[in-house]
PDB file of N, CA and C in Angstrom:
ATOM      1  N   MET A   1     120.995 113.597  85.852  1.00  0.00           N
ATOM      2  CA  MET A   1     121.165 112.677  84.575  1.00  0.00           C
ATOM      3  C   MET A   1     122.927 112.255  84.268  1.00  0.00           C
ATOM      4  N   THR A   2     122.777 110.659  84.407  1.00  0.00           N
ATOM      5  CA  THR A   2     124.583 110.632  84.256  1.00  0.00           C
ATOM      6  C   THR A   2     124.731 109.786  83.330  1.00  0.00           C
ATOM      7  N   GLU A   3     125.791 110.312  82.853  1.00  0.00           N
ATOM      8  CA  GLU A   3     126.679 110.098  81.260  1.00  0.00           C
ATOM      9  C   GLU A   3     127.051 108.471  81.494  1.00  0.00           C
ATOM     10  N   SER A   4     127.456 108.150  80.553  1.00  0.00           N
ATOM     11  CA  SER A   4     127.793 106.214  80.737  1.00  0.00           C
ATOM     12  C   SER A   4     129.055 106.225  79.898  1.00  0.00           C
ATOM     13  N   VAL A   5     129.894 106.444  79.839  1.00  0.00           N
ATOM     14  CA  VAL A   5     131.047 106.015  78.692  1.00  0.00           C
ATOM     15  C   VAL A   5     131.344 104.856  78.708  1.00  0.00           C
ATOM     16  N   ARG A   6     131.632 103.498  77.512  1.00  0.00           N
ATOM     17  CA  ARG A   6     131.985 102.624  77.347  1.00  0.00           C
ATOM     18  C   ARG A   6     133.653 102.947  76.587  1.00  0.00           C
ATOM     19  N   PRO A   7     134.398 102.205  76.730  1.00  0.00           N
ATOM     20  CA  PRO A   7     136.344 102.736  76.526  1.00  0.00           C
ATOM     21  C   PRO A   7     136.243 101.361  75.693  1.00  0.00           C
ATOM     22  N   LEU A   8     136.343 101.804  74.386  1.00  0.00           N
ATOM     23  CA  LEU A   8     136.809 100.847  73.292  1.00  0.00           C
ATOM     24  C   LEU A   8     138.455  99.729  73.209  1.00  0.00           C
ATOM     25  N   GLY A   9     138.474  99.072  72.683  1.00  0.00           N
ATOM     26  CA  GLY A   9     140.158  98.025  72.737  1.00  0.00           C
ATOM     27  C   GLY A   9     140.822  98.253  73.975  1.00  0.00           C
ATOM     28  N   SER A  10     142.218  98.239  73.927  1.00  0.00           N
ATOM     29  CA  SER A  10     142.492  98.252  75.113  1.00  0.00           C
ATOM     30  C   SER A  10     142.626  99.186  76.137  1.00  0.00           C
ATOM     31  N   ARG A  11     141.572 100.696  76.553  1.00  0.00           N
ATOM     32  CA  ARG A  11     141.292 101.223  76.472  1.00  0.00           C
ATOM     33  C   ARG A  11     140.696 100.918  78.028  1.00  0.00           C
ATOM     34  N   VAL A  12     140.569 102.553  79.143  1.00  0.00           N
ATOM     35  CA  VAL A  12     140.123 102.381  80.759  1.00  0.00           C
ATOM     36  C   VAL A  12     139.759 103.102  80.621  1.00  0.00           C
ATOM     37  N   LEU A  13     138.545 103.119  81.328  1.00  0.00           N
ATOM     38  CA  LEU A  13     138.279 104.266  82.471  1.00  0.00           C
ATOM     39  C   LEU A  13     138.445 104.386  83.843  1.00  0.00           C
ATOM     40  N   LEU A  14     138.729 105.479  84.480  1.00  0.00           N
ATOM     41  CA  LEU A  14     139.500 104.956  85.833  1.00  0.00           C
ATOM     42  C   LEU A  14     138.720 106.937  85.999  1.00  0.00           C
ATOM     43  N   ARG A  15     138.375 106.273  87.632  1.00  0.00           N
ATOM     44  CA  ARG A  15     138.120 107.711  88.409  1.00  0.00           C
ATOM     45  C   ARG A  15     139.221 108.724  89.257  1.00  0.00           C
ATOM     46  N   VAL A  16     139.670 109.280  88.927  1.00  0.00           N
ATOM     47  CA  VAL A  16     140.558 109.997  89.638  1.00  0.00           C
ATOM     48  C   VAL A  16     140.636 109.793  90.702  1.00  0.00           C
ATOM     49  N   LEU A  17     141.466 109.218  91.847  1.00  0.00           N
ATOM     50  CA  LEU A  17     141.490 109.037  93.445  1.00  0.00           C
ATOM     51  C   LEU A  17     142.881 110.738  93.840  1.00  0.00           C
ATOM     52  N   GLU A  18     142.119 111.397  94.477  1.00  0.00           N
ATOM     53  CA  GLU A  18     143.260 112.807  94.804  1.00  0.00           C
ATOM     54  C   GLU A  18     143.840 112.700  95.573  1.00  0.00           C
ATOM     55  N   GLU A  19     144.938 113.404  95.805  1.00  0.00           N
ATOM     56  CA  GLU A  19     145.965 112.898  96.562  1.00  0.00           C
ATOM     57  C   GLU A  19     145.253 113.660  97.745  1.00  0.00           C
ATOM     58  N   ALA A  20     146.500 113.221  99.294  1.00  0.00           N
ATOM     59  CA  ALA A  20     146.152 113.565 100.618  1.00  0.00           C
ATOM     60  C   ALA A  20     146.722 115.460 100.632  1.00  0.00           C
ATOM     61  N   SER A  21     145.656 116.014 100.936  1.00  0.00           N
ATOM     62  CA  SER A  21     145.614 117.723 101.025  1.00  0.00           C
ATOM     63  C   SER A  21     146.804 117.546 102.550  1.00  0.00           C
ATOM     64  N   VAL A  22     147.027 117.414 103.071  1.00  0.00           N
ATOM     65  CA  VAL A  22     147.989 117.576 104.208  1.00  0.00           C
ATOM     66  C   VAL A  22     149.062 116.232 104.221  1.00  0.00           C
ATOM     67  N   THR A  23     149.993 116.582 105.079  1.00  0.00           N
ATOM     68  CA  THR A  23     151.174 115.712 105.093  1.00  0.00           C
ATOM     69  C   THR A  23     151.109 115.404 106.135  1.00  0.00           C
ATOM     70  N   LYS A  24     151.810 114.220 106.414  1.00  0.00           N
ATOM     71  CA  LYS A  24     151.892 113.033 107.762  1.00  0.00           C
ATOM     72  C   LYS A  24     151.841 114.821 109.210  1.00  0.00           C
ATOM     73  N   SER A  25     152.523 115.064 109.104  1.00  0.00           N
ATOM     74  CA  SER A  25     152.990 116.330 109.894  1.00  0.00           C
ATOM     75  C   SER A  25     152.053 116.894 110.161  1.00  0.00           C
ATOM     76  N   GLY A  26     150.912 116.851 109.516  1.00  0.00           N
ATOM     77  CA  GLY A  26     150.098 117.831 108.786  1.00  0.00           C
ATOM     78  C   GLY A  26     149.732 118.879 108.653  1.00  0.00           C
ATOM     79  N   LEU A  27     151.008 119.658 108.065  1.00  0.00           N
ATOM     80  CA  LEU A  27     150.672 120.709 106.792  1.00  0.00           C
ATOM     81  C   LEU A  27     150.056 120.127 105.562  1.00  0.00           C
ATOM     82  N   VAL A  28     149.132 121.285 105.994  1.00  0.00           N
ATOM     83  CA  VAL A  28     147.943 121.035 105.075  1.00  0.00           C
ATOM     84  C   VAL A  28     148.966 122.449 103.309  1.00  0.00           C
ATOM     85  N   LEU A  29     148.662 121.426 102.363  1.00  0.00           N
ATOM     86  CA  LEU A  29     149.172 121.828 101.040  1.00  0.00           C
ATOM     87  C   LEU A  29     148.249 122.359 100.118  1.00  0.00           C
ATOM     88  N   PRO A  30     148.856 124.041 100.080  1.00  0.00           N
ATOM     89  CA  PRO A  30     148.058 124.123  98.998  1.00  0.00           C
ATOM     90  C   PRO A  30     147.789 123.583  97.125  1.00  0.00           C
ATOM     91  N   ASP A  31     146.420 124.190  96.879  1.00  0.00           N
ATOM     92  CA  ASP A  31     146.719 122.881  95.104  1.00  0.00           C
ATOM     93  C   ASP A  31     148.539 123.123  94.694  1.00  0.00           C
ATOM     94  N   THR A  32     148.352 123.844  94.313  1.00  0.00           N
ATOM     95  CA  THR A  32     150.000 124.391  93.989  1.00  0.00           C
ATOM     96  C   THR A  32     150.549 123.289  94.309  1.00  0.00           C
ATOM     97  N   ALA A  33     151.043 122.932  94.660  1.00  0.00           N
ATOM     98  CA  ALA A  33     151.913 122.032  96.069  1.00  0.00           C
ATOM     99  C   ALA A  33     151.667 120.663  95.337  1.00  0.00           C
ATOM    100  N   LYS A  34     150.469 120.152  95.209  1.00  0.00           N
ATOM    101  CA  LYS A  34     150.267 118.919  95.088  1.00  0.00           C
ATOM    102  C   LYS A  34     150.597 118.771  93.851  1.00  0.00           C
ATOM    103  N   GLU A  35     150.815 116.677  94.052  1.00  0.00           N
ATOM    104  CA  GLU A  35     151.713 115.810  93.340  1.00  0.00           C
ATOM    105  C   GLU A  35     150.135 115.993  92.196  1.00  0.00           C
ATOM    106  N   LYS A  36     150.407 115.550  91.024  1.00  0.00           N
ATOM    107  CA  LYS A  36     149.309 115.296  89.790  1.00  0.00           C
ATOM    108  C   LYS A  36     148.905 113.717  90.588  1.00  0.00           C
ATOM    109  N   PRO A  37     147.311 113.341  90.429  1.00  0.00           N
ATOM    110  CA  PRO A  37     147.366 112.279  90.905  1.00  0.00           C
ATOM    111  C   PRO A  37     147.505 111.362  90.061  1.00  0.00           C
ATOM    112  N   GLN A  38     148.157 110.056  91.010  1.00  0.00           N
ATOM    113  CA  GLN A  38     148.665 108.652  89.762  1.00  0.00           C
ATOM    114  C   GLN A  38     147.592 108.079  90.587  1.00  0.00           C
ATOM    115  N   ARG A  39     147.243 107.776  90.513  1.00  0.00           N
ATOM    116  CA  ARG A  39     145.679 106.509  91.845  1.00  0.00           C
ATOM    117  C   ARG A  39     144.495 106.576  90.697  1.00  0.00           C
ATOM    118  N   GLY A  40     143.520 105.364  90.376  1.00  0.00           N
ATOM    119  CA  GLY A  40     142.792 105.508  89.273  1.00  0.00           C
ATOM    120  C   GLY A  40     141.913 104.692  90.317  1.00  0.00           C
ATOM    121  N   GLU A  41     140.505 105.043  90.608  1.00  0.00           N
ATOM    122  CA  GLU A  41     139.642 103.656  90.469  1.00  0.00           C
ATOM    123  C   GLU A  41     138.421 102.688  88.856  1.00  0.00           C
ATOM    124  N   VAL A  42     139.293 101.524  88.908  1.00  0.00           N
ATOM    125  CA  VAL A  42     138.287 101.335  87.727  1.00  0.00           C
ATOM    126  C   VAL A  42     137.440 101.151  87.905  1.00  0.00           C
ATOM    127  N   ILE A  43     136.400 102.091  86.162  1.00  0.00           N
ATOM    128  CA  ILE A  43     135.476 102.493  86.819  1.00  0.00           C
ATOM    129  C   ILE A  43     135.029 101.105  85.071  1.00  0.00           C
ATOM    130  N   ALA A  44     135.375 101.001  84.561  1.00  0.00           N
ATOM    131  CA  ALA A  44     134.832 100.300  82.761  1.00  0.00           C
ATOM    132  C   ALA A  44     136.199  99.981  82.238  1.00  0.00           C
ATOM    133  N   VAL A  45     136.081  98.959  81.204  1.00  0.00           N
ATOM    134  CA  VAL A  45     137.474  98.722  80.771  1.00  0.00           C
ATOM    135  C   VAL A  45     136.960  98.094  79.592  1.00  0.00           C
ATOM    136  N   GLY A  46     137.563  98.229  77.889  1.00  0.00           N
ATOM    137  CA  GLY A  46     137.191  97.527  77.296  1.00  0.00           C
ATOM    138  C   GLY A  46     137.254  96.106  76.588  1.00  0.00           C
ATOM    139  N   GLU A  47     136.983  95.681  75.720  1.00  0.00           N
ATOM    140  CA  GLU A  47     136.478  94.647  74.982  1.00  0.00           C
ATOM    141  C   GLU A  47     138.414  93.857  74.664  1.00  0.00           C
ATOM    142  N   ASP A  48     138.942  94.402  75.171  1.00  0.00           N
ATOM    143  CA  ASP A  48     140.524  93.730  74.804  1.00  0.00           C
ATOM    144  C   ASP A  48     140.953  93.147  75.454  1.00  0.00           C
ATOM    145  N   GLU A  49     142.082  91.917  75.111  1.00  0.00           N
ATOM    146  CA  GLU A  49     142.353  91.625  76.247  1.00  0.00           C
ATOM    147  C   GLU A  49     143.371  91.677  77.215  1.00  0.00           C
ATOM    148  N   ALA A  50     144.256  92.991  76.591  1.00  0.00           N
ATOM    149  CA  ALA A  50     145.470  93.640  77.644  1.00  0.00           C
ATOM    150  C   ALA A  50     143.893  94.921  78.794  1.00  0.00           C
ATOM    151  N   ALA A  51     143.376  95.256  78.601  1.00  0.00           N
ATOM    152  CA  ALA A  51     142.112  95.796  79.622  1.00  0.00           C
ATOM    153  C   ALA A  51     141.529  95.112  80.517  1.00  0.00           C
ATOM    154  N   SER A  52     141.856  93.231  80.442  1.00  0.00           N
ATOM    155  CA  SER A  52     140.767  92.791  80.988  1.00  0.00           C
ATOM    156  C   SER A  52     141.867  92.216  81.574  1.00  0.00           C
ATOM    157  N   ARG A  53     143.049  92.964  82.002  1.00  0.00           N
ATOM    158  CA  ARG A  53     143.932  92.000  83.601  1.00  0.00           C
ATOM    159  C   ARG A  53     143.044  93.037  84.297  1.00  0.00           C
ATOM    160  N   VAL A  54     142.684  93.840  84.473  1.00  0.00           N
ATOM    161  CA  VAL A  54     141.521  94.754  85.458  1.00  0.00           C
ATOM    162  C   VAL A  54     140.286  94.528  85.259  1.00  0.00           C
ATOM    163  N   HIS A  55     139.724  95.084  87.106  1.00  0.00           N
ATOM    164  CA  HIS A  55     138.217  94.678  86.558  1.00  0.00           C
ATOM    165  C   HIS A  55     137.384  96.153  86.984  1.00  0.00           C
ATOM    166  N   PRO A  56     136.548  96.920  87.031  1.00  0.00           N
ATOM    167  CA  PRO A  56     135.564  97.674  87.562  1.00  0.00           C
ATOM    168  C   PRO A  56     136.058  97.836  88.873  1.00  0.00           C
ATOM    169  N   GLY A  57     136.587  98.748  90.340  1.00  0.00           N
ATOM    170  CA  GLY A  57     136.205  97.741  91.610  1.00  0.00           C
ATOM    171  C   GLY A  57     137.995  98.508  91.563  1.00  0.00           C
ATOM    172  N   ASP A  58     138.625  97.830  91.473  1.00  0.00           N
ATOM    173  CA  ASP A  58     140.433  97.902  90.521  1.00  0.00           C
ATOM    174  C   ASP A  58     140.914  99.077  91.411  1.00  0.00           C
ATOM    175  N   ARG A  59     141.864  99.157  92.525  1.00  0.00           N
ATOM    176  CA  ARG A  59     142.649 100.738  92.450  1.00  0.00           C
ATOM    177  C   ARG A  59     143.334 100.657  91.691  1.00  0.00           C
ATOM    178  N   VAL A  60     144.157 101.006  90.647  1.00  0.00           N
ATOM    179  CA  VAL A  60     145.842 101.164  90.331  1.00  0.00           C
ATOM    180  C   VAL A  60     146.198 102.519  90.105  1.00  0.00           C
ATOM    181  N   LEU A  61     147.939 102.047  90.024  1.00  0.00           N
ATOM    182  CA  LEU A  61     148.436 102.985  90.027  1.00  0.00           C
ATOM    183  C   LEU A  61     148.430 103.825  87.285  1.00  0.00           C
ATOM    184  N   PHE A  62     149.054 104.730  87.748  1.00  0.00           N
ATOM    185  CA  PHE A  62     148.974 104.815  86.320  1.00  0.00           C
ATOM    186  C   PHE A  62     149.971 105.573  86.456  1.00  0.00           C
ATOM    187  N   ALA A  63     150.631 105.619  84.923  1.00  0.00           N
ATOM    188  CA  ALA A  63     151.669 106.450  84.975  1.00  0.00           C
ATOM    189  C   ALA A  63     151.514 108.120  84.587  1.00  0.00           C
ATOM    190  N   LYS A  64     151.971 109.110  85.487  1.00  0.00           N
ATOM    191  CA  LYS A  64     151.842 110.886  86.199  1.00  0.00           C
ATOM    192  C   LYS A  64     151.301 111.505  84.782  1.00  0.00           C
ATOM    193  N   TYR A  65     151.819 112.061  83.749  1.00  0.00           N
ATOM    194  CA  TYR A  65     150.619 112.201  82.662  1.00  0.00           C
ATOM    195  C   TYR A  65     150.404 111.295  81.411  1.00  0.00           C
ATOM    196  N   THR A  66     149.799 110.962  81.561  1.00  0.00           N
ATOM    197  CA  THR A  66     149.015 110.388  80.812  1.00  0.00           C
ATOM    198  C   THR A  66     147.117 110.178  80.520  1.00  0.00           C
ATOM    199  N   GLY A  67     146.737 109.205  79.649  1.00  0.00           N
ATOM    200  CA  GLY A  67     145.594 109.695  79.523  1.00  0.00           C
ATOM    201  C   GLY A  67     145.146 110.751  79.212  1.00  0.00           C
ATOM    202  N   THR A  68     144.010 110.400  78.556  1.00  0.00           N
ATOM    203  CA  THR A  68     142.771 111.645  77.953  1.00  0.00           C
ATOM    204  C   THR A  68     141.958 112.506  79.753  1.00  0.00           C
ATOM    205  N   GLU A  69     141.614 113.528  79.665  1.00  0.00           N
ATOM    206  CA  GLU A  69     140.833 113.901  81.100  1.00  0.00           C
ATOM    207  C   GLU A  69     139.315 114.332  80.804  1.00  0.00           C
ATOM    208  N   LEU A  70     139.134 113.907  81.283  1.00  0.00           N
ATOM    209  CA  LEU A  70     137.148 114.300  81.407  1.00  0.00           C
ATOM    210  C   LEU A  70     136.894 114.467  82.778  1.00  0.00           C
ATOM    211  N   ARG A  71     135.197 115.672  82.281  1.00  0.00           N
ATOM    212  CA  ARG A  71     134.287 114.935  83.612  1.00  0.00           C
ATOM    213  C   ARG A  71     133.615 114.504  83.109  1.00  0.00           C
ATOM    214  N   LEU A  72     132.621 113.481  84.065  1.00  0.00           N
ATOM    215  CA  LEU A  72     131.873 113.013  84.365  1.00  0.00           C
ATOM    216  C   LEU A  72     131.023 113.371  85.631  1.00  0.00           C
ATOM    217  N   ASP A  73     129.595 114.258  85.492  1.00  0.00           N
ATOM    218  CA  ASP A  73     128.542 114.569  86.792  1.00  0.00           C
ATOM    219  C   ASP A  73     129.976 114.868  88.143  1.00  0.00           C
ATOM    220  N   GLY A  74     130.558 116.101  87.355  1.00  0.00           N
ATOM    221  CA  GLY A  74     131.374 116.556  88.644  1.00  0.00           C
ATOM    222  C   GLY A  74     132.173 115.716  89.210  1.00  0.00           C
ATOM    223  N   THR A  75     133.300 114.755  88.611  1.00  0.00           N
ATOM    224  CA  THR A  75     133.945 113.783  89.159  1.00  0.00           C
ATOM    225  C   THR A  75     134.992 113.543  87.562  1.00  0.00           C
ATOM    226  N   ASP A  76     136.345 113.924  87.825  1.00  0.00           N
ATOM    227  CA  ASP A  76     137.051 114.208  87.209  1.00  0.00           C
ATOM    228  C   ASP A  76     137.272 112.243  87.001  1.00  0.00           C
ATOM    229  N   HIS A  77     137.526 112.526  85.826  1.00  0.00           N
ATOM    230  CA  HIS A  77     137.948 110.553  85.022  1.00  0.00           C
ATOM    231  C   HIS A  77     138.604 110.868  83.847  1.00  0.00           C
ATOM    232  N   LEU A  78     139.669 109.493  83.963  1.00  0.00           N
ATOM    233  CA  LEU A  78     141.222 109.582  83.111  1.00  0.00           C
ATOM    234  C   LEU A  78     140.110 108.266  81.750  1.00  0.00           C
ATOM    235  N   ILE A  79     140.968 108.032  80.842  1.00  0.00           N
ATOM    236  CA  ILE A  79     140.229 107.455  79.712  1.00  0.00           C
ATOM    237  C   ILE A  79     142.648 107.349  79.435  1.00  0.00           C
ATOM    238  N   VAL A  80     142.566 106.114  80.207  1.00  0.00           N
ATOM    239  CA  VAL A  80     143.996 105.382  79.462  1.00  0.00           C
ATOM    240  C   VAL A  80     144.341 104.198  79.011  1.00  0.00           C
ATOM    241  N   ASP A  81     145.221 104.580  78.156  1.00  0.00           N
ATOM    242  CA  ASP A  81     145.742 103.095  77.933  1.00  0.00           C
ATOM    243  C   ASP A  81     145.609 102.102  78.563  1.00  0.00           C
ATOM    244  N   ALA A  82     145.731 100.665  78.876  1.00  0.00           N
ATOM    245  CA  ALA A  82     145.499  99.913  79.595  1.00  0.00           C
ATOM    246  C   ALA A  82     147.250  99.586  79.921  1.00  0.00           C
ATOM    247  N   THR A  83     148.399  99.448  78.942  1.00  0.00           N
ATOM    248  CA  THR A  83     149.652 100.055  79.163  1.00  0.00           C
ATOM    249  C   THR A  83     150.458 100.823  80.022  1.00  0.00           C
ATOM    250  N   GLU A  84     149.333 101.580  79.829  1.00  0.00           N
ATOM    251  CA  GLU A  84     150.414 102.688  80.894  1.00  0.00           C
ATOM    252  C   GLU A  84     149.753 103.006  82.433  1.00  0.00           C
ATOM    253  N   LEU A  85     148.488 101.695  82.799  1.00  0.00           N
ATOM    254  CA  LEU A  85     148.835 100.905  83.984  1.00  0.00           C
ATOM    255  C   LEU A  85     149.763 100.447  84.284  1.00  0.00           C
ATOM    256  N   LEU A  86     150.331 100.533  85.664  1.00  0.00           N
ATOM    257  CA  LEU A  86     151.435 100.170  86.228  1.00  0.00           C
ATOM    258  C   LEU A  86     151.351  99.306  87.371  1.00  0.00           C
ATOM    259  N   ALA A  87     150.149  99.529  88.444  1.00  0.00           N
ATOM    260  CA  ALA A  87     149.856  98.687  89.004  1.00  0.00           C
ATOM    261  C   ALA A  87     148.825  98.808  89.665  1.00  0.00           C
ATOM    262  N   VAL A  88     147.639  97.386  90.014  1.00  0.00           N
ATOM    263  CA  VAL A  88     147.228  97.551  91.083  1.00  0.00           C
ATOM    264  C   VAL A  88     146.902  97.227  91.844  1.00  0.00           C
ATOM    265  N   VAL A  89     146.500  98.078  92.929  1.00  0.00           N
ATOM    266  CA  VAL A  89     147.304  98.391  94.703  1.00  0.00           C
ATOM    267  C   VAL A  89     145.422  97.699  95.291  1.00  0.00           C
ATOM    268  N   GLY A  90     146.224  97.056  96.192  1.00  0.00           N
ATOM    269  CA  GLY A  90     145.405  96.743  97.302  1.00  0.00           C
ATOM    270  C   GLY A  90     144.841  95.183  97.740  1.00  0.00           C
ATOM    271  N   ALA A  91     143.760  94.880  98.232  1.00  0.00           N
ATOM    272  CA  ALA A  91     143.379  93.231  98.059  1.00  0.00           C
ATOM    273  C   ALA A  91     143.309  92.576  96.576  1.00  0.00           C
ATOM    274  N   HIS A  92     142.221  93.517  95.502  1.00  0.00           N
ATOM    275  CA  HIS A  92     142.137  93.354  94.825  1.00  0.00           C
ATOM    276  C   HIS A  92     143.416  92.809  93.817  1.00  0.00           C
ATOM    277  N   GLY A  93     144.128  93.493  93.903  1.00  0.00           N
ATOM    278  CA  GLY A  93     145.015  93.404  93.351  1.00  0.00           C
ATOM    279  C   GLY A  93     146.745  92.359  93.528  1.00  0.00           C
ATOM    280  N   ALA A  94     146.129  92.069  94.778  1.00  0.00           N
ATOM    281  CA  ALA A  94     146.843  90.252  95.592  1.00  0.00           C
ATOM    282  C   ALA A  94     146.665  89.143  94.793  1.00  0.00           C
ATOM    283  N   ASP A  95     145.312  89.363  94.932  1.00  0.00           N
ATOM    284  CA  ASP A  95     144.773  87.689  94.300  1.00  0.00           C
ATOM    285  C   ASP A  95     144.304  88.099  93.131  1.00  0.00           C
ATOM    286  N   GLY A  96     143.906  88.538  92.431  1.00  0.00           N
ATOM    287  CA  GLY A  96     143.315  89.091  90.462  1.00  0.00           C
ATOM    288  C   GLY A  96     141.967  89.046  91.231  1.00  0.00           C
TER     289      GLY A  96
END
């Protein structure tokens, strides 16, 4: 059964994108050495104007220690305030 979460107000639901576990030189990083993820994919947005600046499918950067963590269907997610989003990354972000 799939859980459904709809953020309220200016909040945004993100699926956390894992950081690379292998460096460019080929070294494998243990979990204890990995950086806390700061990238996510927008899954759902609240109805507030601030949240409407991003859309489902956008990939975003967010502040390092922000949001409320939750696990949906075995995948890590965050609910963050739209003001904690730092940038939209990639093609969607370049042209809107």
